[in-house]
Protein backbone atom coordinates (compact mmCIF):
# COMPACT_ATOMS: atom_id res chain seq x y z
CA MET A 1 0.00 -0.03 0.01
CA ASP A 2 1.46 3.33 -1.03
CA VAL A 3 0.73 6.69 0.58
CA PRO A 4 -1.80 7.94 -2.12
CA THR A 5 -3.71 4.66 -1.75
CA ALA A 6 -3.65 4.94 2.04
CA ARG A 7 -4.97 8.53 1.86
CA THR A 8 -7.72 7.37 -0.57
CA PHE A 9 -8.72 4.52 1.74
CA LEU A 10 -8.91 6.82 4.77
CA ALA A 11 -10.87 9.52 2.79
CA ALA A 12 -13.48 6.93 1.73
CA ALA A 13 -13.66 5.57 5.34
CA ALA A 14 -14.18 9.07 6.67
CA THR A 15 -16.71 10.26 4.09
CA GLY A 16 -18.63 7.13 3.45
CA SER A 17 -18.46 7.85 -0.31
CA PHE A 18 -16.06 7.22 -3.08
CA VAL A 19 -17.30 10.34 -4.83
CA ALA A 20 -16.60 12.51 -1.76
CA ALA A 21 -13.30 10.72 -1.22
CA ALA A 22 -12.30 11.56 -4.83
CA ARG A 23 -12.89 15.30 -4.10
CA ARG A 24 -10.87 15.06 -0.89
CA VAL A 25 -7.82 13.44 -2.45
CA HIS A 26 -8.10 15.38 -5.78
CA ALA A 27 -8.65 12.36 -7.88
CA SER A 28 -11.39 11.10 -10.12
CA PRO A 29 -14.10 8.65 -8.86
CA PRO A 30 -12.86 5.92 -11.17
CA THR A 31 -9.30 6.37 -9.78
CA VAL A 32 -10.63 5.97 -6.28
CA THR A 33 -12.49 2.84 -7.21
CA GLU A 34 -9.38 1.38 -8.86
CA ARG A 35 -7.16 2.21 -5.92
CA ILE A 36 -9.56 0.53 -3.49
CA LYS A 37 -9.95 -2.44 -5.80
CA GLN A 38 -6.22 -2.96 -6.06
CA LEU A 39 -5.78 -2.59 -2.36
CA GLU A 40 -8.45 -5.18 -1.65
CA HIS A 41 -6.73 -7.55 -4.18
CA VAL A 42 -3.30 -7.06 -2.52
CA LEU A 43 -4.79 -7.66 0.99
CA GLY A 44 -7.07 -10.43 -0.12
CA ALA A 45 -9.97 -8.88 1.86
CA ARG A 46 -13.06 -6.81 1.18
CA LEU A 47 -12.62 -3.40 2.82
CA PHE A 48 -15.98 -1.74 1.99
CA ASP A 49 -19.57 -2.70 1.52
CA ARG A 50 -21.11 -0.46 -1.23
CA ASP A 51 -24.70 0.38 -2.10
CA ARG A 52 -26.65 3.40 -3.42
CA ARG A 53 -26.09 5.30 -0.21
CA GLY A 54 -22.25 5.10 -0.36
CA CYS A 55 -19.68 2.84 1.29
CA ARG A 56 -19.28 1.38 4.75
CA LEU A 57 -16.16 -0.20 6.21
CA THR A 58 -16.24 -3.96 6.70
CA ALA A 59 -14.60 -5.55 9.78
CA ALA A 60 -11.41 -5.93 7.78
CA GLY A 61 -11.62 -2.27 6.70
CA ARG A 62 -11.99 -1.12 10.26
CA ARG A 63 -8.83 -3.00 11.28
CA LEU A 64 -6.90 -1.25 8.51
CA VAL A 65 -7.75 2.32 9.59
CA GLU A 66 -5.20 2.74 12.37
CA PRO A 67 -2.27 1.19 10.34
CA ALA A 68 -3.18 3.36 7.40
CA GLN A 69 -3.22 6.43 9.61
CA ALA A 70 0.09 5.53 11.03
CA MET A 71 1.52 5.07 7.58
CA VAL A 72 0.31 8.46 6.36
CA ARG A 73 1.40 10.21 9.61
CA ALA A 74 4.88 8.70 9.35
CA TRP A 75 5.22 9.87 5.74
CA ASP A 76 3.94 13.36 6.53
CA GLU A 77 6.32 13.63 9.49
CA GLY A 78 9.21 12.45 7.47
CA CYS A 79 8.53 14.94 4.76
CA ALA A 80 8.12 17.76 7.29
CA ARG A 81 11.35 16.92 9.07
CA VAL A 82 13.32 16.70 5.79
CA ALA A 83 12.11 20.20 4.95
CA LEU A 84 12.97 21.68 8.38
CA PRO A 85 15.90 23.99 8.76
CA PRO A 86 18.73 22.39 10.86
CA ARG A 87 17.87 24.34 14.00
CA PHE A 88 14.51 22.49 14.39
CA GLU A 89 14.08 18.98 15.69
CA ALA A 90 10.36 18.40 15.22
CA VAL A 91 7.12 19.95 13.80
CA ILE A 92 3.70 20.25 15.29
CA ARG A 93 0.46 20.85 13.22
CA LEU A 94 -2.10 22.82 15.14
CA GLY A 95 -5.46 24.33 14.41
CA GLY A 96 -7.87 26.63 16.21
CA GLN A 97 -11.38 27.92 15.86
CA HIS A 98 -11.37 31.51 14.60
CA ALA A 99 -12.94 32.91 17.78
CA LEU A 100 -10.06 31.56 19.93
CA TRP A 101 -7.16 33.09 18.02
CA PRO A 102 -7.25 36.74 19.15
CA SER A 103 -7.50 36.19 22.92
CA LEU A 104 -5.90 32.79 23.39
CA LEU A 105 -3.96 31.22 20.57
CA ILE A 106 -2.02 34.17 19.31
CA PRO A 107 -0.44 34.84 22.74
CA TRP A 108 -0.14 31.07 23.33
CA LEU A 109 1.70 30.61 20.02
CA GLY A 110 4.16 33.37 20.99
CA GLU A 111 4.86 31.51 24.34
CA VAL A 112 5.26 28.20 22.37
CA ARG A 113 7.84 29.85 20.16
CA ASP A 114 9.73 31.23 23.15
CA GLN A 115 9.73 27.99 25.23
CA PHE A 116 10.12 25.43 22.40
CA SER A 117 12.72 27.03 20.24
CA ARG A 118 13.56 23.76 18.41
CA LEU A 119 9.86 23.01 17.57
CA ALA A 120 8.56 24.12 14.20
CA VAL A 121 4.91 25.01 14.00
CA SER A 122 2.26 24.81 11.25
CA ALA A 123 -0.88 26.65 12.31
CA LEU A 124 -4.28 27.39 10.80
CA ALA A 125 -7.70 28.87 11.76
CA ALA A 126 -10.74 26.92 10.74
CA ALA A 127 -14.36 26.10 11.58
CA PRO A 128 -15.11 23.48 14.18
CA ALA A 129 -16.28 20.83 11.63
CA GLN A 130 -13.02 21.14 9.74
CA LEU A 131 -10.95 20.94 12.88
CA ASN A 132 -12.78 17.91 14.17
CA ARG A 133 -12.38 16.09 10.87
CA ALA A 134 -8.68 17.11 10.60
CA ILE A 135 -7.82 15.78 14.08
CA GLU A 136 -9.74 12.57 13.43
CA GLU A 137 -7.97 11.93 10.18
CA ASP A 138 -4.54 12.80 11.64
CA GLU A 139 -4.09 15.91 9.55
CA LEU A 140 -3.52 17.97 12.67
CA ASP A 141 -1.83 17.08 15.95
CA ILE A 142 -3.61 19.55 18.33
CA VAL A 143 -6.70 21.64 17.94
CA PHE A 144 -8.53 24.23 20.05
CA LEU A 145 -12.32 24.68 19.64
CA TYR A 146 -15.57 25.11 21.36
CA ASP A 147 -17.49 22.05 20.05
CA PRO A 148 -15.21 18.97 20.12
CA VAL A 149 -16.30 15.50 18.89
CA GLN A 150 -15.05 12.57 20.93
CA ARG A 151 -13.03 10.29 18.64
CA LEU A 152 -10.92 7.14 19.05
CA GLY A 153 -7.30 8.05 19.29
CA VAL A 154 -8.05 11.74 20.26
CA ARG A 155 -7.82 13.07 23.73
CA VAL A 156 -10.08 15.97 24.85
CA GLU A 157 -9.74 18.27 27.83
CA GLU A 158 -11.52 21.43 28.88
CA LEU A 159 -9.32 24.47 28.96
CA ALA A 160 -11.47 26.58 31.30
CA PRO A 161 -15.14 26.82 32.20
CA ASP A 162 -17.24 29.28 30.22
CA ARG A 163 -20.73 29.99 29.14
CA LEU A 164 -22.70 31.89 26.51
CA VAL A 165 -24.56 34.87 28.00
CA LEU A 166 -26.79 37.47 26.43
CA ALA A 167 -25.05 40.87 26.13
CA THR A 168 -26.41 44.16 24.82
CA ALA A 169 -24.97 47.46 23.75
CA ARG A 170 -28.28 49.22 24.57
CA PRO A 171 -29.41 48.23 28.04
CA GLY A 172 -32.42 50.56 27.90
CA LEU A 173 -33.90 48.75 24.94
CA ASP A 174 -35.74 45.36 25.00
CA TRP A 175 -33.06 42.98 23.71
CA LYS A 176 -35.55 41.29 21.36
CA GLU A 177 -35.77 44.56 19.37
CA ASN A 178 -32.10 44.57 18.35
CA PHE A 179 -31.21 40.89 18.60
CA VAL A 180 -28.62 39.41 16.25
CA ARG A 181 -28.00 35.68 15.96
CA LEU A 182 -24.27 35.01 16.52
CA ASN A 183 -23.24 31.70 15.24
CA TRP A 184 -21.17 29.70 17.76
CA GLY A 185 -22.00 26.28 16.31
CA GLU A 186 -25.04 24.14 15.77
CA SER A 187 -25.02 22.58 19.19
CA ALA A 188 -24.86 25.93 20.90
CA SER A 189 -27.71 27.32 18.78
CA ALA A 190 -29.91 24.25 19.54
CA ALA A 191 -29.20 24.53 23.25
CA LEU A 192 -30.16 28.25 23.30
CA MET A 193 -33.29 27.72 21.30
CA ALA A 194 -34.30 25.05 23.79
CA ARG A 195 -33.76 27.42 26.75
CA LEU A 196 -35.47 30.51 25.37
CA ASP A 197 -39.21 30.97 25.51
CA VAL A 198 -39.02 32.92 22.31
CA TRP A 199 -36.19 32.79 19.70
CA PRO A 200 -36.43 36.21 18.08
CA SER A 201 -36.42 36.45 14.31
CA ALA A 202 -33.28 38.41 13.94
CA GLY A 203 -32.96 38.74 10.21
CA LEU A 204 -29.23 38.66 10.59
CA GLU A 205 -26.81 35.86 11.49
CA LEU A 206 -23.11 36.51 11.95
CA ASP A 207 -20.25 33.99 12.03
CA LEU A 208 -17.46 36.45 12.94
CA GLY A 209 -16.05 34.88 16.09
CA ALA A 210 -14.46 37.46 18.38
CA LEU A 211 -15.27 40.27 16.00
CA SER A 212 -18.95 39.73 16.79
CA LEU A 213 -18.58 41.57 20.13
CA GLN A 214 -17.22 44.72 18.57
CA TRP A 215 -19.97 44.56 15.97
CA LEU A 216 -22.58 44.51 18.77
CA VAL A 217 -20.96 47.62 20.21
CA ASP A 218 -20.77 49.46 16.89
CA MET A 219 -24.30 48.59 15.86
CA GLY A 220 -25.93 48.90 19.27
CA ALA A 221 -27.20 45.32 19.11
CA SER A 222 -27.73 42.36 21.41
CA GLY A 223 -26.55 38.78 21.10
CA PHE A 224 -25.14 35.69 22.93
CA VAL A 225 -21.42 35.81 23.49
CA PRO A 226 -18.84 33.80 25.53
CA GLU A 227 -18.63 35.39 28.93
CA ARG A 228 -14.83 35.30 29.11
CA MET A 229 -14.57 36.99 25.81
CA ALA A 230 -17.07 39.61 26.86
CA ARG A 231 -15.50 40.54 30.20
CA PRO A 232 -13.31 43.32 28.85
CA PHE A 233 -16.36 44.78 27.12
CA PHE A 234 -18.38 44.53 30.37
CA ALA A 235 -15.57 46.21 32.32
CA LYS A 236 -15.54 49.16 30.00
CA ARG A 237 -19.38 49.30 29.89
CA LEU A 238 -19.37 48.83 26.17
CA LEU A 239 -21.65 45.88 26.59
CA GLU A 240 -23.82 44.85 29.54
CA PRO A 241 -25.18 41.39 30.48
CA VAL A 242 -28.95 41.02 30.20
CA ASP A 243 -30.44 39.91 33.50
CA ASP A 244 -33.02 37.11 33.79
CA THR A 245 -32.01 35.42 30.52
CA PRO A 246 -30.71 31.88 30.17
CA SER A 247 -27.08 30.96 29.64
CA ILE A 248 -25.48 27.69 28.53
CA ASP A 249 -22.19 26.07 29.19
CA PHE A 250 -19.76 26.90 26.32
CA SER A 251 -16.22 26.05 27.28
CA PRO A 252 -13.18 25.91 25.00
CA TYR A 253 -11.50 22.62 24.64
CA VAL A 254 -8.10 21.30 23.49
CA CYS A 255 -7.93 18.06 21.56
CA TRP A 256 -4.77 16.24 20.57
CA ARG A 257 -3.75 12.94 19.01
CA SER A 258 -2.89 10.30 21.49
CA SER A 259 0.08 9.44 19.34
CA MET A 260 1.67 12.82 20.25
CA ASP A 261 4.70 12.81 22.56
CA GLU A 262 3.07 12.76 25.99
CA ASP A 263 5.44 15.16 27.64
CA LEU A 264 5.10 17.75 24.79
CA ALA A 265 1.33 17.46 24.76
CA ALA A 266 1.10 17.96 28.57
CA ARG A 267 3.35 21.03 28.34
CA LEU A 268 1.49 22.59 25.51
CA VAL A 269 -1.92 21.99 27.18
CA ASP A 270 -0.72 23.38 30.53
CA LEU A 271 0.66 26.49 28.71
CA ALA A 272 -2.78 27.03 27.12
CA LYS A 273 -4.60 26.58 30.40
CA ARG A 274 -2.39 29.09 32.07
CA GLY A 275 -3.15 31.51 29.22
CA MET A 276 -6.90 31.18 29.96
CA THR A 277 -6.33 32.40 33.57
CA THR A 278 -4.48 35.60 32.65
């Protein structure tokens, strides 16, 4: 099994579709079909059951997932190390939800660069769905997000307790009159809708992460925001919490591959947690 075939197999396993796998690995559907067919021939085992709805791993296919991930990971790590300047010894691939970069991850990354001078870093900002998929498929080593998905081979830990609270820039006005729906993920939206007696028809939905709070200030609007993120705005009286409205737990989490070096992972997580307390 070569690396392109391993990537193709993992893409089909993750998406449940040869067509979707083709898009993910930038190949044609017939190429995906042929790669899987040849892999099954070499292994002497059927890896997928296929029907009109897509493809599902067989028992043999499920047993191949972890070795295929290890193969792709070893290849990617080898390529990354070969490309590193001599002063670096290792590379870490990290991702973070857009909302967490300004207040947490940018300062944290600066601390990482100071304390781990021989560690090269590849970083990106992305939506939770992309981060969950990337950590599951071993495309990232460590991710920071609000809505983690529990996965085999991925460790998850809360960084600090937080919650979504209703904030307004115009406390003298009924918040339903200037309410804006701020998108913090599907699960958060569902939880808020279940807690509110009335979910106002906002006519506007924003997925701006930390920029949403300044938008509330500038536009004189109301919306649900992470309490920790809002504290500086509350302190300056730019925003005020709305009393007698529900809140929901909404804590940031860190997820990392269990294959990461344990000492490195522990130190990185501890550094992020200390950043949440400052």
